[in-house]
Amino acid sequence: MGAITYDMEIPSSIPAPRMFKAFVLDADTLIPKILPQAIKSVEILEGDGGVGTVKLTTFGEGYAYKSVKQRVDAIDKENFTYSYSIIEGDALMGLFESVSYHIKIVPTPDGGSICKNRSIYHTKGDAQVTEEEIKAGKEKASGMFKAVESYLLANPNA
């Protein structure tokens, strides 16, 4: 088993505490509401939402994958960090044992924030991932973050 690591940063005009609340803490209800074509639902299978919680994410109609199970690995509300792993589901494409995501929302001097995301793909055997697959994954993650940002800009009281 190997590991392939990719880093990505996405700037936002939204302050870090507000973005962390929406993108991480409220994501299970907010993202299906603003992106139902991507995420149909998120339900907790085990746990209380904290570390060790296992969730089932069901993707929207016409999406390339049906569902994934993910586990919450770490959460730090004071430092705006969140880690989770996809542990089961067709999005692993038979190539990966798991995929881990480490998210940190960093405040910027102008009052906005930067979402720093490290993705670690734990491959089965000597499986390889193409640049196109990585680019597609980054675009989906960036699109989801920007959709949350747009929602927050349009709904200042949300």
N, C-alpha and C. Protein backbone atom coordinates (compact mmCIF):
# COMPACT_ATOMS: atom_id res chain seq x y z
N MET A 1 0.86 -1.19 0.00
CA MET A 1 0.00 0.00 0.00
C MET A 1 0.89 1.23 0.00
N GLY A 2 0.53 2.17 -0.85
CA GLY A 2 1.26 3.44 -0.90
C GLY A 2 0.35 4.56 -0.47
N ALA A 3 0.92 5.75 -0.42
CA ALA A 3 0.14 6.93 -0.08
C ALA A 3 0.52 8.05 -1.03
N ILE A 4 -0.50 8.72 -1.56
CA ILE A 4 -0.31 9.85 -2.45
C ILE A 4 -0.93 11.05 -1.75
N THR A 5 -0.15 12.12 -1.58
CA THR A 5 -0.60 13.29 -0.82
C THR A 5 -0.70 14.50 -1.74
N TYR A 6 -1.79 15.24 -1.58
CA TYR A 6 -2.00 16.47 -2.34
C TYR A 6 -2.48 17.56 -1.40
N ASP A 7 -1.96 18.75 -1.62
CA ASP A 7 -2.36 19.91 -0.83
C ASP A 7 -3.07 20.91 -1.73
N MET A 8 -4.02 21.62 -1.13
CA MET A 8 -4.79 22.62 -1.86
C MET A 8 -5.15 23.74 -0.89
N GLU A 9 -5.13 24.98 -1.39
CA GLU A 9 -5.56 26.13 -0.59
C GLU A 9 -6.60 26.91 -1.37
N ILE A 10 -7.68 27.29 -0.66
CA ILE A 10 -8.76 28.05 -1.29
C ILE A 10 -9.02 29.29 -0.43
N PRO A 11 -8.81 30.48 -0.99
CA PRO A 11 -9.08 31.70 -0.23
C PRO A 11 -10.57 32.01 -0.18
N SER A 12 -10.96 32.73 0.88
CA SER A 12 -12.36 33.12 1.04
C SER A 12 -12.42 34.48 1.74
N SER A 13 -13.47 35.23 1.45
CA SER A 13 -13.69 36.50 2.14
C SER A 13 -14.44 36.29 3.46
N ILE A 14 -14.89 35.06 3.71
CA ILE A 14 -15.65 34.73 4.93
C ILE A 14 -14.69 34.54 6.10
N PRO A 15 -14.97 35.13 7.27
CA PRO A 15 -14.11 34.92 8.44
C PRO A 15 -14.01 33.44 8.82
N ALA A 16 -12.85 33.05 9.32
CA ALA A 16 -12.57 31.64 9.64
C ALA A 16 -13.62 31.00 10.57
N PRO A 17 -14.03 31.65 11.67
CA PRO A 17 -15.02 30.97 12.55
C PRO A 17 -16.33 30.67 11.83
N ARG A 18 -16.80 31.59 11.01
CA ARG A 18 -18.06 31.41 10.30
C ARG A 18 -17.93 30.33 9.22
N MET A 19 -16.81 30.34 8.50
CA MET A 19 -16.59 29.33 7.46
C MET A 19 -16.44 27.95 8.07
N PHE A 20 -15.74 27.83 9.19
CA PHE A 20 -15.57 26.53 9.85
C PHE A 20 -16.92 25.99 10.30
N LYS A 21 -17.73 26.86 10.88
CA LYS A 21 -19.06 26.43 11.34
C LYS A 21 -19.89 25.90 10.17
N ALA A 22 -19.91 26.64 9.06
CA ALA A 22 -20.72 26.24 7.91
C ALA A 22 -20.13 25.04 7.18
N PHE A 23 -18.83 25.08 6.87
CA PHE A 23 -18.20 24.08 6.02
C PHE A 23 -17.91 22.77 6.76
N VAL A 24 -17.78 22.86 8.08
CA VAL A 24 -17.47 21.65 8.86
C VAL A 24 -18.61 21.28 9.81
N LEU A 25 -18.92 22.16 10.75
CA LEU A 25 -19.87 21.81 11.81
C LEU A 25 -21.30 21.64 11.30
N ASP A 26 -21.73 22.47 10.35
CA ASP A 26 -23.09 22.41 9.83
C ASP A 26 -23.18 21.75 8.45
N ALA A 27 -22.06 21.21 7.96
CA ALA A 27 -22.00 20.69 6.59
C ALA A 27 -23.01 19.60 6.29
N ASP A 28 -23.28 18.72 7.26
CA ASP A 28 -24.16 17.58 7.02
C ASP A 28 -25.58 18.01 6.65
N THR A 29 -26.01 19.15 7.13
CA THR A 29 -27.34 19.66 6.76
C THR A 29 -27.27 20.77 5.72
N LEU A 30 -26.21 21.58 5.77
CA LEU A 30 -26.11 22.72 4.87
C LEU A 30 -25.78 22.31 3.43
N ILE A 31 -24.81 21.45 3.23
CA ILE A 31 -24.40 21.11 1.86
C ILE A 31 -25.51 20.40 1.07
N PRO A 32 -26.25 19.44 1.66
CA PRO A 32 -27.37 18.87 0.88
C PRO A 32 -28.43 19.92 0.52
N LYS A 33 -28.54 20.95 1.34
CA LYS A 33 -29.51 22.01 1.08
C LYS A 33 -29.06 22.90 -0.08
N ILE A 34 -27.75 23.24 -0.13
CA ILE A 34 -27.30 24.15 -1.18
C ILE A 34 -26.75 23.44 -2.42
N LEU A 35 -26.40 22.17 -2.29
CA LEU A 35 -25.90 21.38 -3.43
C LEU A 35 -26.58 20.01 -3.50
N PRO A 36 -27.92 19.99 -3.62
CA PRO A 36 -28.61 18.69 -3.62
C PRO A 36 -28.24 17.80 -4.81
N GLN A 37 -27.77 18.40 -5.89
CA GLN A 37 -27.34 17.61 -7.04
C GLN A 37 -26.06 16.85 -6.74
N ALA A 38 -25.27 17.32 -5.77
CA ALA A 38 -24.01 16.65 -5.40
C ALA A 38 -24.20 15.74 -4.21
N ILE A 39 -24.79 16.26 -3.14
CA ILE A 39 -24.97 15.50 -1.89
C ILE A 39 -26.46 15.44 -1.58
N LYS A 40 -27.01 14.24 -1.62
CA LYS A 40 -28.43 14.05 -1.33
C LYS A 40 -28.68 14.08 0.18
N SER A 41 -27.84 13.35 0.93
CA SER A 41 -28.03 13.31 2.38
C SER A 41 -26.76 12.83 3.08
N VAL A 42 -26.70 13.16 4.37
CA VAL A 42 -25.64 12.67 5.25
C VAL A 42 -26.32 12.20 6.52
N GLU A 43 -26.08 10.94 6.88
CA GLU A 43 -26.68 10.43 8.11
C GLU A 43 -25.62 9.79 9.00
N ILE A 44 -25.78 9.98 10.29
CA ILE A 44 -24.86 9.39 11.26
C ILE A 44 -25.27 7.93 11.48
N LEU A 45 -24.31 7.02 11.27
CA LEU A 45 -24.54 5.60 11.49
C LEU A 45 -24.10 5.18 12.89
N GLU A 46 -23.02 5.78 13.37
CA GLU A 46 -22.48 5.49 14.71
C GLU A 46 -21.91 6.78 15.27
N GLY A 47 -22.08 6.98 16.59
CA GLY A 47 -21.45 8.12 17.24
C GLY A 47 -22.35 9.32 17.40
N ASP A 48 -21.73 10.40 17.91
CA ASP A 48 -22.47 11.61 18.24
C ASP A 48 -22.01 12.82 17.45
N GLY A 49 -21.27 12.60 16.38
CA GLY A 49 -20.75 13.70 15.58
C GLY A 49 -19.29 14.01 15.88
N GLY A 50 -18.79 13.52 17.01
CA GLY A 50 -17.40 13.75 17.39
C GLY A 50 -16.46 12.70 16.80
N VAL A 51 -15.25 12.67 17.33
CA VAL A 51 -14.24 11.72 16.86
C VAL A 51 -14.77 10.29 16.95
N GLY A 52 -14.56 9.54 15.88
CA GLY A 52 -15.02 8.16 15.81
C GLY A 52 -16.38 7.99 15.17
N THR A 53 -17.10 9.09 14.97
CA THR A 53 -18.41 9.02 14.33
C THR A 53 -18.27 8.50 12.90
N VAL A 54 -19.19 7.62 12.51
CA VAL A 54 -19.23 7.10 11.14
C VAL A 54 -20.50 7.63 10.48
N LYS A 55 -20.33 8.22 9.29
CA LYS A 55 -21.45 8.81 8.55
C LYS A 55 -21.59 8.15 7.19
N LEU A 56 -22.80 8.13 6.69
CA LEU A 56 -23.08 7.67 5.34
C LEU A 56 -23.49 8.88 4.51
N THR A 57 -22.70 9.18 3.48
CA THR A 57 -23.04 10.26 2.56
C THR A 57 -23.60 9.64 1.30
N THR A 58 -24.81 10.05 0.92
CA THR A 58 -25.45 9.59 -0.30
C THR A 58 -25.39 10.72 -1.30
N PHE A 59 -24.85 10.43 -2.49
CA PHE A 59 -24.69 11.45 -3.51
C PHE A 59 -25.97 11.65 -4.30
N GLY A 60 -26.07 12.80 -4.96
CA GLY A 60 -27.25 13.16 -5.73
C GLY A 60 -27.41 12.33 -6.99
N GLU A 61 -28.59 12.39 -7.57
CA GLU A 61 -28.90 11.67 -8.81
C GLU A 61 -27.93 12.08 -9.91
N GLY A 62 -27.49 11.10 -10.68
CA GLY A 62 -26.60 11.39 -11.78
C GLY A 62 -25.15 11.61 -11.38
N TYR A 63 -24.86 11.58 -10.10
CA TYR A 63 -23.48 11.75 -9.64
C TYR A 63 -22.71 10.47 -9.96
N ALA A 64 -21.42 10.58 -10.12
CA ALA A 64 -20.60 9.42 -10.53
C ALA A 64 -20.60 8.29 -9.50
N TYR A 65 -20.81 8.61 -8.23
CA TYR A 65 -20.78 7.61 -7.16
C TYR A 65 -22.11 7.62 -6.42
N LYS A 66 -22.41 6.48 -5.77
CA LYS A 66 -23.68 6.38 -5.03
C LYS A 66 -23.54 6.85 -3.58
N SER A 67 -22.51 6.33 -2.89
CA SER A 67 -22.37 6.68 -1.48
C SER A 67 -20.98 6.35 -0.97
N VAL A 68 -20.66 6.94 0.19
CA VAL A 68 -19.42 6.63 0.90
C VAL A 68 -19.71 6.62 2.40
N LYS A 69 -18.91 5.83 3.11
CA LYS A 69 -18.91 5.91 4.57
C LYS A 69 -17.65 6.67 4.94
N GLN A 70 -17.81 7.59 5.86
CA GLN A 70 -16.65 8.34 6.32
C GLN A 70 -16.62 8.35 7.84
N ARG A 71 -15.40 8.45 8.37
CA ARG A 71 -15.19 8.45 9.82
C ARG A 71 -14.54 9.77 10.22
N VAL A 72 -15.04 10.38 11.29
CA VAL A 72 -14.43 11.59 11.84
C VAL A 72 -13.19 11.16 12.62
N ASP A 73 -12.03 11.67 12.21
CA ASP A 73 -10.77 11.30 12.85
C ASP A 73 -10.32 12.30 13.91
N ALA A 74 -10.59 13.59 13.68
CA ALA A 74 -10.21 14.63 14.64
C ALA A 74 -11.03 15.88 14.36
N ILE A 75 -11.29 16.62 15.43
CA ILE A 75 -11.97 17.90 15.28
C ILE A 75 -11.50 18.83 16.39
N ASP A 76 -11.11 20.05 16.02
CA ASP A 76 -10.65 21.05 16.97
C ASP A 76 -11.34 22.36 16.64
N LYS A 77 -12.42 22.67 17.37
CA LYS A 77 -13.23 23.84 17.07
C LYS A 77 -12.51 25.15 17.35
N GLU A 78 -11.56 25.13 18.28
CA GLU A 78 -10.83 26.36 18.62
C GLU A 78 -9.80 26.71 17.55
N ASN A 79 -9.18 25.71 16.96
CA ASN A 79 -8.15 25.93 15.95
C ASN A 79 -8.65 25.70 14.52
N PHE A 80 -9.95 25.47 14.38
CA PHE A 80 -10.60 25.32 13.06
C PHE A 80 -9.97 24.21 12.22
N THR A 81 -9.74 23.05 12.85
CA THR A 81 -9.20 21.92 12.12
C THR A 81 -10.17 20.74 12.19
N TYR A 82 -10.16 19.95 11.13
CA TYR A 82 -11.07 18.81 11.02
C TYR A 82 -10.42 17.76 10.13
N SER A 83 -10.43 16.53 10.58
CA SER A 83 -9.89 15.44 9.77
C SER A 83 -10.93 14.33 9.70
N TYR A 84 -11.05 13.76 8.51
CA TYR A 84 -11.96 12.63 8.34
C TYR A 84 -11.41 11.73 7.25
N SER A 85 -11.91 10.50 7.22
CA SER A 85 -11.46 9.53 6.22
C SER A 85 -12.65 8.86 5.56
N ILE A 86 -12.55 8.68 4.25
CA ILE A 86 -13.51 7.84 3.53
C ILE A 86 -13.01 6.41 3.74
N ILE A 87 -13.86 5.58 4.32
CA ILE A 87 -13.43 4.23 4.69
C ILE A 87 -14.13 3.13 3.89
N GLU A 88 -15.17 3.52 3.16
CA GLU A 88 -15.94 2.53 2.39
C GLU A 88 -16.76 3.24 1.34
N GLY A 89 -17.02 2.56 0.22
CA GLY A 89 -17.91 3.12 -0.80
C GLY A 89 -17.31 3.11 -2.18
N ASP A 90 -18.18 3.32 -3.17
CA ASP A 90 -17.74 3.22 -4.55
C ASP A 90 -16.81 4.35 -4.98
N ALA A 91 -16.74 5.45 -4.23
CA ALA A 91 -15.82 6.54 -4.57
C ALA A 91 -14.36 6.10 -4.37
N LEU A 92 -14.14 5.01 -3.64
CA LEU A 92 -12.78 4.48 -3.49
C LEU A 92 -12.33 3.76 -4.76
N MET A 93 -13.25 3.51 -5.67
CA MET A 93 -13.01 3.00 -7.02
C MET A 93 -12.18 1.70 -7.06
N GLY A 94 -12.14 0.98 -5.97
CA GLY A 94 -11.35 -0.25 -5.95
C GLY A 94 -9.85 0.00 -5.96
N LEU A 95 -9.44 1.27 -5.98
CA LEU A 95 -8.03 1.65 -6.01
C LEU A 95 -7.47 1.98 -4.64
N PHE A 96 -8.36 2.39 -3.72
CA PHE A 96 -7.91 2.92 -2.44
C PHE A 96 -8.42 2.11 -1.26
N GLU A 97 -7.56 1.98 -0.25
CA GLU A 97 -7.98 1.43 1.04
C GLU A 97 -8.85 2.48 1.74
N SER A 98 -8.39 3.73 1.68
CA SER A 98 -9.10 4.85 2.27
C SER A 98 -8.53 6.15 1.71
N VAL A 99 -9.25 7.23 1.96
CA VAL A 99 -8.76 8.56 1.61
C VAL A 99 -8.96 9.43 2.84
N SER A 100 -7.89 10.09 3.29
CA SER A 100 -7.95 10.94 4.48
C SER A 100 -7.87 12.41 4.06
N TYR A 101 -8.67 13.23 4.74
CA TYR A 101 -8.69 14.66 4.47
C TYR A 101 -8.40 15.40 5.77
N HIS A 102 -7.51 16.37 5.68
CA HIS A 102 -7.16 17.19 6.83
C HIS A 102 -7.42 18.64 6.42
N ILE A 103 -8.41 19.25 7.08
CA ILE A 103 -8.84 20.60 6.73
C ILE A 103 -8.48 21.55 7.86
N LYS A 104 -7.93 22.70 7.49
CA LYS A 104 -7.66 23.76 8.45
C LYS A 104 -8.12 25.06 7.83
N ILE A 105 -8.98 25.78 8.53
CA ILE A 105 -9.45 27.09 8.08
C ILE A 105 -8.61 28.12 8.84
N VAL A 106 -7.81 28.87 8.09
CA VAL A 106 -6.86 29.81 8.68
C VAL A 106 -7.36 31.24 8.49
N PRO A 107 -7.45 32.03 9.57
CA PRO A 107 -7.83 33.44 9.42
C PRO A 107 -6.77 34.21 8.63
N THR A 108 -7.23 35.18 7.84
CA THR A 108 -6.30 36.04 7.11
C THR A 108 -6.38 37.45 7.68
N PRO A 109 -5.33 38.26 7.49
CA PRO A 109 -5.30 39.61 8.05
C PRO A 109 -6.46 40.50 7.58
N ASP A 110 -7.01 40.22 6.41
CA ASP A 110 -8.10 41.05 5.88
C ASP A 110 -9.47 40.65 6.40
N GLY A 111 -9.53 39.69 7.34
CA GLY A 111 -10.80 39.27 7.92
C GLY A 111 -11.42 38.07 7.23
N GLY A 112 -10.79 37.60 6.17
CA GLY A 112 -11.27 36.41 5.48
C GLY A 112 -10.60 35.16 6.02
N SER A 113 -10.45 34.17 5.16
CA SER A 113 -9.83 32.92 5.59
C SER A 113 -9.26 32.18 4.39
N ILE A 114 -8.47 31.18 4.69
CA ILE A 114 -7.96 30.27 3.68
C ILE A 114 -8.26 28.86 4.16
N CYS A 115 -8.87 28.07 3.28
CA CYS A 115 -9.10 26.66 3.58
C CYS A 115 -7.90 25.89 3.06
N LYS A 116 -7.16 25.28 3.98
CA LYS A 116 -6.02 24.43 3.61
C LYS A 116 -6.49 22.99 3.73
N ASN A 117 -6.36 22.25 2.65
CA ASN A 117 -6.83 20.88 2.61
C ASN A 117 -5.70 19.97 2.15
N ARG A 118 -5.39 18.97 2.97
CA ARG A 118 -4.43 17.94 2.58
C ARG A 118 -5.22 16.65 2.40
N SER A 119 -5.11 16.07 1.21
CA SER A 119 -5.76 14.80 0.89
C SER A 119 -4.69 13.73 0.80
N ILE A 120 -4.92 12.61 1.48
CA ILE A 120 -3.98 11.50 1.42
C ILE A 120 -4.73 10.28 0.92
N TYR A 121 -4.35 9.82 -0.27
CA TYR A 121 -4.95 8.66 -0.90
C TYR A 121 -4.12 7.43 -0.54
N HIS A 122 -4.69 6.51 0.22
CA HIS A 122 -4.00 5.29 0.62
C HIS A 122 -4.37 4.22 -0.40
N THR A 123 -3.43 3.95 -1.32
CA THR A 123 -3.71 3.06 -2.44
C THR A 123 -3.60 1.59 -2.05
N LYS A 124 -4.33 0.77 -2.79
CA LYS A 124 -4.22 -0.69 -2.66
C LYS A 124 -3.06 -1.12 -3.55
N GLY A 125 -2.16 -1.90 -3.01
CA GLY A 125 -1.04 -2.40 -3.80
C GLY A 125 -0.28 -1.28 -4.45
N ASP A 126 -0.04 -1.40 -5.74
CA ASP A 126 0.70 -0.37 -6.47
C ASP A 126 -0.21 0.44 -7.40
N ALA A 127 -1.46 0.59 -7.00
CA ALA A 127 -2.43 1.35 -7.80
C ALA A 127 -1.94 2.78 -8.01
N GLN A 128 -2.21 3.32 -9.17
CA GLN A 128 -1.80 4.68 -9.52
C GLN A 128 -3.03 5.56 -9.74
N VAL A 129 -2.87 6.84 -9.47
CA VAL A 129 -3.94 7.82 -9.68
C VAL A 129 -3.45 8.78 -10.75
N THR A 130 -4.31 9.08 -11.72
CA THR A 130 -3.91 9.99 -12.79
C THR A 130 -4.07 11.44 -12.37
N GLU A 131 -3.36 12.31 -13.05
CA GLU A 131 -3.48 13.75 -12.79
C GLU A 131 -4.91 14.22 -13.05
N GLU A 132 -5.58 13.63 -14.03
CA GLU A 132 -6.97 14.02 -14.33
C GLU A 132 -7.89 13.69 -13.16
N GLU A 133 -7.69 12.51 -12.55
CA GLU A 133 -8.51 12.12 -11.40
C GLU A 133 -8.27 13.06 -10.22
N ILE A 134 -7.02 13.43 -10.02
CA ILE A 134 -6.69 14.34 -8.92
C ILE A 134 -7.29 15.72 -9.18
N LYS A 135 -7.14 16.19 -10.40
CA LYS A 135 -7.69 17.50 -10.77
C LYS A 135 -9.20 17.50 -10.59
N ALA A 136 -9.88 16.43 -10.99
CA ALA A 136 -11.34 16.35 -10.84
C ALA A 136 -11.73 16.40 -9.37
N GLY A 137 -11.00 15.68 -8.52
CA GLY A 137 -11.28 15.70 -7.09
C GLY A 137 -11.08 17.07 -6.49
N LYS A 138 -10.00 17.75 -6.89
CA LYS A 138 -9.74 19.10 -6.39
C LYS A 138 -10.83 20.07 -6.83
N GLU A 139 -11.28 19.93 -8.07
CA GLU A 139 -12.33 20.81 -8.58
C GLU A 139 -13.63 20.62 -7.82
N LYS A 140 -13.97 19.37 -7.48
CA LYS A 140 -15.19 19.10 -6.71
C LYS A 140 -15.08 19.70 -5.31
N ALA A 141 -13.94 19.52 -4.67
CA ALA A 141 -13.74 20.07 -3.32
C ALA A 141 -13.79 21.59 -3.35
N SER A 142 -13.12 22.19 -4.32
CA SER A 142 -13.12 23.64 -4.45
C SER A 142 -14.53 24.16 -4.74
N GLY A 143 -15.26 23.46 -5.60
CA GLY A 143 -16.62 23.86 -5.93
C GLY A 143 -17.55 23.81 -4.73
N MET A 144 -17.38 22.80 -3.89
CA MET A 144 -18.20 22.68 -2.69
C MET A 144 -17.89 23.82 -1.72
N PHE A 145 -16.60 24.11 -1.54
CA PHE A 145 -16.19 25.21 -0.65
C PHE A 145 -16.74 26.54 -1.16
N LYS A 146 -16.61 26.78 -2.47
CA LYS A 146 -17.10 28.04 -3.05
C LYS A 146 -18.62 28.14 -2.99
N ALA A 147 -19.32 27.01 -3.09
CA ALA A 147 -20.78 27.03 -2.96
C ALA A 147 -21.19 27.43 -1.54
N VAL A 148 -20.47 26.91 -0.55
CA VAL A 148 -20.74 27.30 0.85
C VAL A 148 -20.44 28.78 1.03
N GLU A 149 -19.33 29.24 0.47
CA GLU A 149 -18.97 30.66 0.56
C GLU A 149 -20.07 31.53 -0.08
N SER A 150 -20.53 31.16 -1.26
CA SER A 150 -21.58 31.93 -1.94
C SER A 150 -22.86 31.97 -1.11
N TYR A 151 -23.21 30.83 -0.52
CA TYR A 151 -24.40 30.77 0.33
C TYR A 151 -24.26 31.73 1.51
N LEU A 152 -23.09 31.73 2.16
CA LEU A 152 -22.87 32.60 3.31
C LEU A 152 -22.88 34.07 2.91
N LEU A 153 -22.34 34.39 1.75
CA LEU A 153 -22.35 35.78 1.27
C LEU A 153 -23.79 36.23 0.98
N ALA A 154 -24.59 35.34 0.42
CA ALA A 154 -25.98 35.66 0.08
C ALA A 154 -26.90 35.66 1.31
N ASN A 155 -26.46 34.99 2.37
CA ASN A 155 -27.28 34.86 3.59
C ASN A 155 -26.45 35.29 4.80
N PRO A 156 -26.27 36.59 4.99
CA PRO A 156 -25.37 37.07 6.05
C PRO A 156 -25.78 36.63 7.46
N ASN A 157 -27.03 36.28 7.66
CA ASN A 157 -27.47 35.83 8.99
C ASN A 157 -27.43 34.34 9.17
N ALA A 158 -27.00 33.63 8.15
CA ALA A 158 -26.96 32.15 8.23
C ALA A 158 -25.76 31.72 9.07
